[in-house]
């Protein structure tokens, strides 16, 4: 996921957002040799949200990784917006993010060590605690298709060193497979797979502090969402009031009467700052997609709600596209909720009646609150907000690892790519393979839910 703010950079560079979008298109897009090789737009239905949605296909990084070609749309590159340039420039930014994340493991300057946790400790390496790698165990309820294995301190895996800006030592060795999205799992024969790395926690921007802040809030956003979905604590349904008047006016213009209904929920984080919002888009007649869920996080309530709404609209388009492709490929729309090991099948499931019912049930016991009753917005500038978030990680004794993933070609476009990861927060998991033994669930009332989450 990406936070690209053309408005912020256009003032600094004395160029309009439209000019920047044209420049990125000229430099990044080409069906033959572009960083992004295809881009398309979704048309909304007569009663659908009046929002532009774009999607893109990444260049063939799988060739560099010696991996088979992925399915069309596998990288989930896209963007939504209410002005013409917005979805396009977000798609370009997100393609840069996916590219940087996907080839980061191939950096020849990246030192990697293949050893067991016990061997790393014996060699005097400062490695993260073994207790933070116990995500499942032999007693965990898992399907036969679940590819993940319990952590074994004697089993060798690949380690990389990263800067720790949270609590503890300044640098530590961490599992490559959990930090690097582009790490080809099982590159070493017999290496156990502990958890899938995802792009959440990676962001690009033309400005380093903004990229860092976006990455940090993605980390917090997913921790809140996974903690809510698989934990036992309820959400808080936000009722509109004077604090959300700008969003109300926007929805009145872009949500046709009699069409989809938007419902906003605060997903309280156990101890990290900001607002994480889930927006549920309901189809009032029960037509597919029945429900689509988007997430947004920010230090300001209304901004987080706006981001969640835009993502929900994008997820709705993803659900429509995936439904058609699933039916064309398989001829039916049946789902095994114990074997959803990608981030598409769960979206398709939530878009249908059975999955939509599970989503609505999970959000049904929400406490209703007014926007004015929630904590105040942050008034800090970007750099100060980054420092505030990092201080909170330290104050709550959480490790927080960071690396720049800016490749020379990504940097040539003017982007900075930042990756953050914490073993002490919950990452976006494959829907049918949650890390049930993760200690963080204890901060959300314990792990209680096995139904697959609806987030892409």
Protein backbone atom coordinates (compact mmCIF):
# COMPACT_ATOMS: atom_id res chain seq x y z
CA UNK A 1 0.00 0.00 0.00
CA UNK A 2 1.21 3.47 -0.81
CA UNK A 3 0.81 7.04 0.30
CA UNK A 4 1.71 9.32 -2.63
CA UNK A 5 0.69 12.92 -2.13
CA UNK A 6 1.12 14.84 -5.38
CA UNK A 7 -0.38 17.94 -3.81
CA UNK A 8 2.41 18.12 -1.24
CA UNK A 9 5.20 17.62 -3.76
CA UNK A 10 3.64 19.80 -6.49
CA UNK A 11 3.90 22.93 -4.35
CA UNK A 12 7.53 22.21 -3.64
CA UNK A 13 8.34 21.40 -7.28
CA UNK A 14 6.10 24.15 -8.74
CA UNK A 15 4.23 21.63 -10.86
CA UNK A 16 0.57 20.74 -10.81
CA UNK A 17 -0.60 17.21 -9.91
CA UNK A 18 -1.72 16.77 -13.50
CA UNK A 19 1.77 17.65 -14.76
CA UNK A 20 3.38 15.21 -12.33
CA UNK A 21 0.99 12.47 -13.40
CA UNK A 22 1.87 13.01 -17.05
CA UNK A 23 5.59 12.92 -16.22
CA UNK A 24 5.27 9.69 -14.25
CA UNK A 25 3.28 8.13 -17.08
CA UNK A 26 5.96 9.08 -19.62
CA UNK A 27 8.77 7.69 -17.46
CA UNK A 28 7.18 4.67 -15.78
CA UNK A 29 4.58 3.23 -18.17
CA UNK A 30 5.31 1.11 -21.23
CA UNK A 31 3.83 -2.26 -22.29
CA UNK A 32 7.33 -3.34 -23.35
CA UNK A 33 9.80 -1.97 -20.81
CA UNK A 34 7.95 0.09 -18.22
CA UNK A 35 8.03 -0.35 -14.48
CA UNK A 36 4.29 -0.66 -14.97
CA UNK A 37 3.31 -2.48 -18.17
CA UNK A 38 -0.47 -2.11 -18.12
CA UNK A 39 -2.96 0.27 -16.58
CA UNK A 40 -6.74 0.21 -16.74
CA UNK A 41 -9.77 1.88 -15.22
CA UNK A 42 -13.00 0.52 -13.76
CA UNK A 43 -16.36 1.96 -14.74
CA UNK A 44 -18.81 2.41 -11.87
CA UNK A 45 -22.41 1.33 -12.13
CA UNK A 46 -25.26 3.85 -12.22
CA UNK A 47 -25.80 3.50 -8.47
CA UNK A 48 -22.17 2.85 -7.60
CA UNK A 49 -19.89 5.37 -5.88
CA UNK A 50 -18.79 8.14 -8.24
CA UNK A 51 -15.10 7.38 -7.76
CA UNK A 52 -12.38 6.70 -10.31
CA UNK A 53 -10.57 3.39 -9.79
CA UNK A 54 -7.37 2.42 -11.61
CA UNK A 55 -5.36 -0.78 -11.62
CA UNK A 56 -1.96 -1.71 -12.99
CA UNK A 57 0.34 -4.61 -13.78
CA UNK A 58 3.95 -4.67 -12.62
CA UNK A 59 6.90 -5.42 -14.86
CA UNK A 60 8.24 -8.99 -14.86
CA UNK A 61 10.07 -9.04 -11.54
CA UNK A 62 9.26 -12.76 -11.33
CA UNK A 63 11.88 -13.33 -14.04
CA UNK A 64 14.58 -11.82 -11.81
CA UNK A 65 13.31 -13.96 -8.92
CA UNK A 66 13.29 -17.11 -11.07
CA UNK A 67 9.64 -17.59 -10.17
CA UNK A 68 6.64 -18.53 -12.34
CA UNK A 69 4.57 -15.69 -13.76
CA UNK A 70 1.91 -14.54 -11.27
CA UNK A 71 -1.78 -14.31 -12.06
CA UNK A 72 -2.99 -11.04 -13.52
CA UNK A 73 -3.70 -8.62 -10.68
CA UNK A 74 -1.67 -10.56 -8.12
CA UNK A 75 0.27 -7.50 -6.97
CA UNK A 76 -2.93 -5.58 -6.09
CA UNK A 77 -1.62 -2.39 -7.68
CA UNK A 78 -4.19 0.37 -7.97
CA UNK A 79 -5.69 3.53 -6.62
CA UNK A 80 -8.98 5.33 -6.13
CA UNK A 81 -9.85 9.00 -6.17
CA UNK A 82 -12.48 11.65 -6.82
CA UNK A 83 -10.35 13.77 -9.16
CA UNK A 84 -9.00 12.46 -12.48
CA UNK A 85 -5.27 12.35 -11.68
CA UNK A 86 -5.64 10.78 -8.22
CA UNK A 87 -6.11 7.06 -9.06
CA UNK A 88 -3.45 7.24 -11.76
CA UNK A 89 -0.69 8.79 -9.67
CA UNK A 90 -1.50 6.40 -6.81
CA UNK A 91 -1.16 3.48 -9.23
CA UNK A 92 2.27 4.71 -10.32
CA UNK A 93 3.35 5.15 -6.71
CA UNK A 94 2.08 1.72 -5.73
CA UNK A 95 3.85 0.10 -8.68
CA UNK A 96 7.13 1.64 -7.46
CA UNK A 97 6.42 0.31 -3.98
CA UNK A 98 5.67 -3.23 -5.18
CA UNK A 99 8.73 -3.20 -7.43
CA UNK A 100 11.04 -2.07 -4.63
CA UNK A 101 9.62 -4.63 -2.25
CA UNK A 102 9.68 -7.45 -4.76
CA UNK A 103 13.33 -7.17 -5.79
CA UNK A 104 14.77 -6.05 -2.44
CA UNK A 105 15.98 -9.57 -1.63
CA UNK A 106 18.10 -9.52 -4.80
CA UNK A 107 20.21 -6.55 -3.65
CA UNK A 108 23.83 -7.77 -3.96
CA UNK A 109 24.77 -5.57 -1.01
CA UNK A 110 22.26 -7.27 1.29
CA UNK A 111 24.09 -9.55 3.72
CA UNK A 112 22.16 -12.75 4.38
CA UNK A 113 22.96 -15.63 6.70
CA UNK A 114 21.45 -19.08 6.54
CA UNK A 115 21.53 -20.62 10.01
CA UNK A 116 19.34 -21.76 12.85
CA UNK A 117 18.40 -19.41 15.68
CA UNK A 118 20.59 -21.41 18.04
CA UNK A 119 23.53 -21.17 15.62
CA UNK A 120 23.07 -17.41 15.30
CA UNK A 121 23.11 -17.00 19.07
CA UNK A 122 26.15 -19.27 19.41
CA UNK A 123 27.97 -17.12 16.84
CA UNK A 124 27.33 -14.04 18.97
CA UNK A 125 24.81 -12.47 16.58
CA UNK A 126 22.22 -10.14 18.09
CA UNK A 127 19.11 -11.97 16.85
CA UNK A 128 15.50 -11.32 17.82
CA UNK A 129 14.08 -13.43 20.62
CA UNK A 130 12.95 -16.92 19.66
CA UNK A 131 9.72 -16.31 21.60
CA UNK A 132 8.71 -13.69 19.02
CA UNK A 133 8.82 -16.28 16.24
CA UNK A 134 6.38 -18.72 17.80
CA UNK A 135 3.29 -17.95 15.71
CA UNK A 136 1.79 -21.44 15.63
CA UNK A 137 2.62 -24.69 17.40
CA UNK A 138 1.78 -28.36 17.09
CA UNK A 139 -1.56 -27.78 18.84
CA UNK A 140 -2.69 -25.04 16.44
CA UNK A 141 -5.83 -25.82 14.44
CA UNK A 142 -4.71 -25.78 10.79
CA UNK A 143 -6.02 -27.06 7.48
CA UNK A 144 -4.11 -29.65 5.49
CA UNK A 145 -3.21 -27.00 2.90
CA UNK A 146 -1.67 -24.58 5.42
CA UNK A 147 1.98 -24.21 4.31
CA UNK A 148 3.35 -22.73 7.53
CA UNK A 149 5.43 -24.61 10.06
CA UNK A 150 5.99 -24.04 13.79
CA UNK A 151 9.23 -22.25 14.60
CA UNK A 152 12.13 -24.56 15.38
CA UNK A 153 15.22 -22.97 16.94
CA UNK A 154 17.34 -25.74 15.39
CA UNK A 155 15.99 -25.35 11.84
CA UNK A 156 18.05 -23.01 9.60
CA UNK A 157 16.36 -20.01 7.98
CA UNK A 158 17.68 -16.90 6.23
CA UNK A 159 18.46 -13.86 8.36
CA UNK A 160 19.11 -10.22 7.45
CA UNK A 161 20.24 -7.36 9.68
CA UNK A 162 18.02 -4.31 10.10
CA UNK A 163 18.04 -1.11 12.13
CA UNK A 164 15.83 -1.27 15.20
CA UNK A 165 14.35 2.15 15.96
CA UNK A 166 12.02 0.70 18.58
CA UNK A 167 13.07 -0.76 21.91
CA UNK A 168 16.20 -2.82 22.45
CA UNK A 169 19.45 -3.00 20.51
CA UNK A 170 20.11 -0.61 17.64
CA UNK A 171 20.49 -3.42 15.05
CA UNK A 172 19.35 -7.02 15.04
CA UNK A 173 19.11 -10.04 12.79
CA UNK A 174 15.54 -10.83 11.70
CA UNK A 175 13.96 -13.47 9.41
CA UNK A 176 14.25 -12.44 5.76
CA UNK A 177 11.00 -14.19 4.89
CA UNK A 178 9.01 -11.98 7.26
CA UNK A 179 10.62 -8.68 6.28
CA UNK A 180 11.30 -8.93 2.54
CA UNK A 181 8.23 -9.30 0.35
CA UNK A 182 10.46 -10.36 -2.53
CA UNK A 183 12.22 -13.07 -0.56
CA UNK A 184 11.68 -16.31 -2.52
CA UNK A 185 10.60 -18.66 0.25
CA UNK A 186 12.38 -22.03 0.27
CA UNK A 187 15.31 -20.64 -1.67
CA UNK A 188 17.25 -22.93 0.64
CA UNK A 189 16.15 -26.52 0.49
CA UNK A 190 14.10 -27.44 3.54
CA UNK A 191 13.77 -23.91 4.93
CA UNK A 192 10.52 -23.84 6.94
CA UNK A 193 7.99 -21.13 6.11
CA UNK A 194 6.94 -19.30 9.27
CA UNK A 195 4.78 -16.47 7.92
CA UNK A 196 4.13 -14.73 4.62
CA UNK A 197 5.64 -11.28 4.17
CA UNK A 198 3.21 -8.74 2.68
CA UNK A 199 3.67 -5.25 1.32
CA UNK A 200 1.79 -3.67 4.23
CA UNK A 201 4.34 -1.59 6.10
CA UNK A 202 6.02 -0.50 2.87
CA UNK A 203 5.41 2.96 1.40
CA UNK A 204 6.86 5.29 -1.20
CA UNK A 205 6.81 9.04 -1.38
CA UNK A 206 8.89 11.81 -2.84
CA UNK A 207 9.59 12.86 0.76
CA UNK A 208 11.40 10.56 3.21
CA UNK A 209 9.44 11.55 6.37
CA UNK A 210 6.11 11.14 4.57
CA UNK A 211 7.11 7.71 3.27
CA UNK A 212 8.15 6.70 6.78
CA UNK A 213 4.94 7.98 8.36
CA UNK A 214 2.80 6.20 5.76
CA UNK A 215 4.65 2.94 6.39
CA UNK A 216 4.27 3.30 10.16
CA UNK A 217 0.53 3.93 9.96
CA UNK A 218 0.10 0.94 7.66
CA UNK A 219 1.76 -1.18 10.34
CA UNK A 220 -0.59 0.20 12.99
CA UNK A 221 -3.60 -0.14 10.69
CA UNK A 222 -3.07 -3.85 10.09
CA UNK A 223 -2.27 -4.53 13.74
CA UNK A 224 -5.61 -2.94 14.64
CA UNK A 225 -7.52 -4.77 11.89
CA UNK A 226 -6.10 -8.22 12.63
CA UNK A 227 -6.48 -7.67 16.36
CA UNK A 228 -10.13 -6.76 15.89
CA UNK A 229 -11.03 -9.51 13.42
CA UNK A 230 -9.38 -12.45 15.18
CA UNK A 231 -9.65 -11.04 18.71
CA UNK A 232 -12.67 -10.45 20.91
CA UNK A 233 -12.89 -6.67 21.26
CA UNK A 234 -15.70 -4.85 19.44
CA UNK A 235 -15.31 -1.98 17.01
CA UNK A 236 -16.84 1.46 17.49
CA UNK A 237 -19.35 2.57 14.85
CA UNK A 238 -18.90 6.26 14.11
CA UNK A 239 -21.99 8.45 13.84
CA UNK A 240 -21.64 11.62 11.77
CA UNK A 241 -21.56 14.97 13.58
CA UNK A 242 -19.93 18.37 13.20
CA UNK A 243 -16.46 16.76 13.25
CA UNK A 244 -17.17 14.87 10.00
CA UNK A 245 -19.04 17.52 8.00
CA UNK A 246 -16.50 17.61 5.14
CA UNK A 247 -16.74 13.86 4.68
CA UNK A 248 -20.53 14.01 4.81
CA UNK A 249 -20.60 16.59 2.02
CA UNK A 250 -18.21 14.51 -0.06
CA UNK A 251 -20.29 11.35 0.39
CA UNK A 252 -23.43 13.26 -0.55
CA UNK A 253 -21.82 14.17 -3.87
CA UNK A 254 -20.19 10.84 -4.67
CA UNK A 255 -22.58 8.22 -3.21
CA UNK A 256 -25.79 8.23 -5.32
CA UNK A 257 -29.06 8.02 -3.41
CA UNK A 258 -30.40 4.47 -3.40
CA UNK A 259 -26.94 3.01 -4.07
CA UNK A 260 -24.24 1.63 -1.80
CA UNK A 261 -24.28 2.59 1.88
CA UNK A 262 -21.06 3.47 3.73
CA UNK A 263 -20.61 2.48 7.37
CA UNK A 264 -17.54 3.56 9.34
CA UNK A 265 -15.99 1.74 12.31
CA UNK A 266 -13.07 2.72 14.50
CA UNK A 267 -10.84 -0.29 15.21
CA UNK A 268 -9.16 0.74 18.47
CA UNK A 269 -5.50 -0.19 18.73
CA UNK A 270 -4.36 -1.75 21.98
CA UNK A 271 -1.64 0.83 22.65
CA UNK A 272 -0.47 2.55 19.44
CA UNK A 273 -1.56 6.03 18.25
CA UNK A 274 -3.80 7.28 15.46
CA UNK A 275 -7.15 6.24 14.03
CA UNK A 276 -7.67 2.98 12.17
CA UNK A 277 -10.98 2.97 10.33
CA UNK A 278 -12.85 0.19 8.56
CA UNK A 279 -15.39 1.30 5.96
CA UNK A 280 -18.08 -1.23 5.06
CA UNK A 281 -19.78 -0.64 1.71
CA UNK A 282 -23.19 -2.37 1.70
CA UNK A 283 -25.23 -3.10 -1.43
CA UNK A 284 -28.80 -2.44 -0.19
CA UNK A 285 -30.44 -4.94 -2.59
CA UNK A 286 -28.02 -7.75 -1.69
CA UNK A 287 -26.46 -7.85 -5.16
CA UNK A 288 -22.84 -8.94 -5.53
CA UNK A 289 -20.56 -7.48 -4.20
CA UNK A 290 -22.75 -7.56 -1.08
CA UNK A 291 -20.09 -6.10 1.22
CA UNK A 292 -16.66 -4.63 0.58
CA UNK A 293 -14.36 -3.53 3.39
CA UNK A 294 -11.62 -0.91 3.16
CA UNK A 295 -9.11 0.27 5.74
CA UNK A 296 -7.58 3.67 6.40
CA UNK A 297 -5.29 5.02 9.10
CA UNK A 298 -4.19 8.53 9.95
CA UNK A 299 -3.46 10.85 12.84
CA UNK A 300 -6.68 12.72 11.92
CA UNK A 301 -10.09 11.09 12.14
CA UNK A 302 -11.71 12.48 9.01
CA UNK A 303 -8.63 11.73 6.88
CA UNK A 304 -8.60 8.12 8.10
CA UNK A 305 -12.31 7.77 7.27
CA UNK A 306 -11.76 9.21 3.79
CA UNK A 307 -8.89 6.79 3.12
CA UNK A 308 -10.99 3.85 4.32
CA UNK A 309 -13.88 4.86 2.05
CA UNK A 310 -11.63 5.16 -1.01
CA UNK A 311 -10.10 1.77 -0.29
CA UNK A 312 -13.52 0.19 0.18
CA UNK A 313 -14.50 1.46 -3.28
CA UNK A 314 -11.28 -0.01 -4.67
CA UNK A 315 -11.92 -3.32 -2.91
CA UNK A 316 -15.40 -3.36 -4.42
CA UNK A 317 -13.86 -3.10 -7.90
CA UNK A 318 -11.34 -5.81 -7.00
CA UNK A 319 -14.17 -8.05 -5.83
CA UNK A 320 -16.09 -7.56 -9.10
CA UNK A 321 -13.01 -8.29 -11.18
CA UNK A 322 -12.05 -11.34 -9.07
CA UNK A 323 -15.59 -12.72 -9.14
CA UNK A 324 -15.64 -12.67 -12.93
CA UNK A 325 -12.20 -14.24 -13.22
CA UNK A 326 -12.94 -16.92 -10.63
CA UNK A 327 -16.11 -17.90 -12.43
CA UNK A 328 -14.41 -17.94 -15.84
CA UNK A 329 -11.52 -20.06 -14.55
CA UNK A 330 -13.40 -22.43 -12.27
CA UNK A 331 -16.99 -22.27 -13.51
CA UNK A 332 -18.34 -21.92 -9.96
CA UNK A 333 -18.01 -19.79 -6.86
CA UNK A 334 -17.48 -22.29 -4.08
CA UNK A 335 -15.21 -21.51 -1.16
CA UNK A 336 -13.35 -23.55 1.42
CA UNK A 337 -12.95 -21.11 4.30
CA UNK A 338 -10.20 -23.29 5.74
CA UNK A 339 -8.04 -23.02 2.63
CA UNK A 340 -7.99 -19.32 1.69
CA UNK A 341 -4.25 -18.88 1.27
CA UNK A 342 -4.26 -15.81 -0.94
CA UNK A 343 -5.65 -12.29 -0.62
CA UNK A 344 -8.23 -12.58 -3.40
CA UNK A 345 -10.44 -15.52 -2.48
CA UNK A 346 -11.36 -13.92 0.85
CA UNK A 347 -12.47 -10.73 -0.93
CA UNK A 348 -14.61 -12.80 -3.29
CA UNK A 349 -16.06 -14.68 -0.32
CA UNK A 350 -16.95 -11.46 1.55
CA UNK A 351 -18.63 -10.16 -1.60
CA UNK A 352 -21.16 -13.01 -1.53
CA UNK A 353 -24.03 -13.61 0.87
CA UNK A 354 -22.34 -16.13 3.19
CA UNK A 355 -19.12 -14.16 3.58
CA UNK A 356 -20.96 -10.86 3.85
CA UNK A 357 -22.96 -12.30 6.72
CA UNK A 358 -19.72 -13.20 8.53
CA UNK A 359 -18.42 -9.64 8.05
CA UNK A 360 -21.62 -8.07 9.29
CA UNK A 361 -21.74 -10.37 12.29
CA UNK A 362 -18.19 -9.42 13.29
CA UNK A 363 -19.07 -5.70 13.23
CA UNK A 364 -22.59 -6.11 14.63
CA UNK A 365 -21.78 -5.57 18.32
CA UNK A 366 -20.08 -2.23 17.76
CA UNK A 367 -20.55 0.57 20.24
CA UNK A 368 -21.99 3.69 18.57
CA UNK A 369 -19.97 6.85 19.12
CA UNK A 370 -20.01 10.40 17.81
CA UNK A 371 -16.93 11.73 16.10
CA UNK A 372 -16.72 14.47 18.71
CA UNK A 373 -16.41 11.86 21.47
CA UNK A 374 -13.23 10.34 20.00
CA UNK A 375 -9.69 11.55 20.82
CA UNK A 376 -8.56 14.78 19.16
CA UNK A 377 -6.63 14.89 15.91
CA UNK A 378 -2.88 15.30 15.98
CA UNK A 379 -1.67 18.78 15.04
CA UNK A 380 1.99 17.80 14.62
CA UNK A 381 3.91 18.22 11.39
CA UNK A 382 4.99 15.08 9.53
CA UNK A 383 8.47 14.76 11.05
CA UNK A 384 7.14 15.32 14.58
CA UNK A 385 4.38 12.78 14.00
CA UNK A 386 6.98 10.20 12.95
CA UNK A 387 8.88 10.84 16.17
CA UNK A 388 5.68 10.56 18.22
CA UNK A 389 4.80 7.19 16.69
CA UNK A 390 8.32 5.83 17.17
CA UNK A 391 8.33 7.00 20.80
CA UNK A 392 5.11 5.05 21.36
CA UNK A 393 6.72 1.86 20.06
CA UNK A 394 9.59 2.41 22.47
CA UNK A 395 7.32 3.29 25.38
CA UNK A 396 5.33 0.08 24.88
CA UNK A 397 8.52 -2.00 24.57
CA UNK A 398 8.07 -2.93 20.91
CA UNK A 399 10.87 -3.56 18.48
CA UNK A 400 10.50 -1.68 15.20
CA UNK A 401 12.75 -2.48 12.26
CA UNK A 402 13.30 -0.22 9.28
CA UNK A 403 15.21 -0.40 6.00
CA UNK A 404 15.27 1.71 2.86
CA UNK A 405 14.25 -0.30 -0.19
CA UNK A 406 14.96 2.50 -2.65
CA UNK A 407 16.58 0.94 -5.69
CA UNK A 408 18.48 3.19 -8.14
CA UNK A 409 15.64 3.02 -10.66
CA UNK A 410 12.97 3.84 -8.07
CA UNK A 411 15.12 6.68 -6.75
CA UNK A 412 15.52 7.97 -10.32
CA UNK A 413 11.76 8.57 -10.38
CA UNK A 414 12.13 10.74 -7.27
CA UNK A 415 10.64 8.17 -4.88
CA UNK A 416 11.85 6.96 -1.48
CA UNK A 417 10.76 3.42 -0.55
CA UNK A 418 10.62 2.59 3.15
CA UNK A 419 9.87 -0.73 4.85
CA UNK A 420 9.00 -1.11 8.54
CA UNK A 421 8.17 -4.30 10.45
CA UNK A 422 7.62 -5.21 14.07
CA UNK A 423 7.52 -8.73 15.51
CA UNK A 424 5.45 -7.25 18.34
CA UNK A 425 2.49 -6.26 16.15
CA UNK A 426 0.19 -8.33 13.96
CA UNK A 427 0.88 -8.46 10.23
CA UNK A 428 -1.61 -9.05 7.44
CA UNK A 429 -1.93 -12.83 7.40
CA UNK A 430 -3.22 -15.20 4.77
CA UNK A 431 -6.95 -15.36 5.61
CA UNK A 432 -7.11 -19.05 6.58
CA UNK A 433 -3.72 -19.13 8.30
CA UNK A 434 -3.69 -16.60 11.13
CA UNK A 435 -0.75 -16.71 13.59
CA UNK A 436 -2.91 -18.03 16.40
CA UNK A 437 -0.11 -18.16 19.01
CA UNK A 438 1.10 -14.61 18.41
CA UNK A 439 1.43 -12.97 21.85
CA UNK A 440 -0.08 -9.74 20.51
CA UNK A 441 -3.54 -11.31 20.45
CA UNK A 442 -3.44 -11.15 24.24
CA UNK A 443 -3.76 -7.36 23.94
CA UNK A 444 -6.99 -7.82 21.94
CA UNK A 445 -8.77 -10.16 24.31
CA UNK A 446 -7.16 -13.35 22.99
CA UNK A 447 -7.49 -15.21 19.69
CA UNK A 448 -11.14 -16.19 19.24
CA UNK A 449 -12.01 -16.18 15.52
CA UNK A 450 -11.14 -18.70 12.78
CA UNK A 451 -13.26 -17.21 9.96
CA UNK A 452 -11.08 -15.70 7.18
CA UNK A 453 -10.64 -11.95 7.32
CA UNK A 454 -12.01 -9.84 4.39
CA UNK A 455 -8.97 -7.60 3.74
CA UNK A 456 -6.92 -7.74 0.48
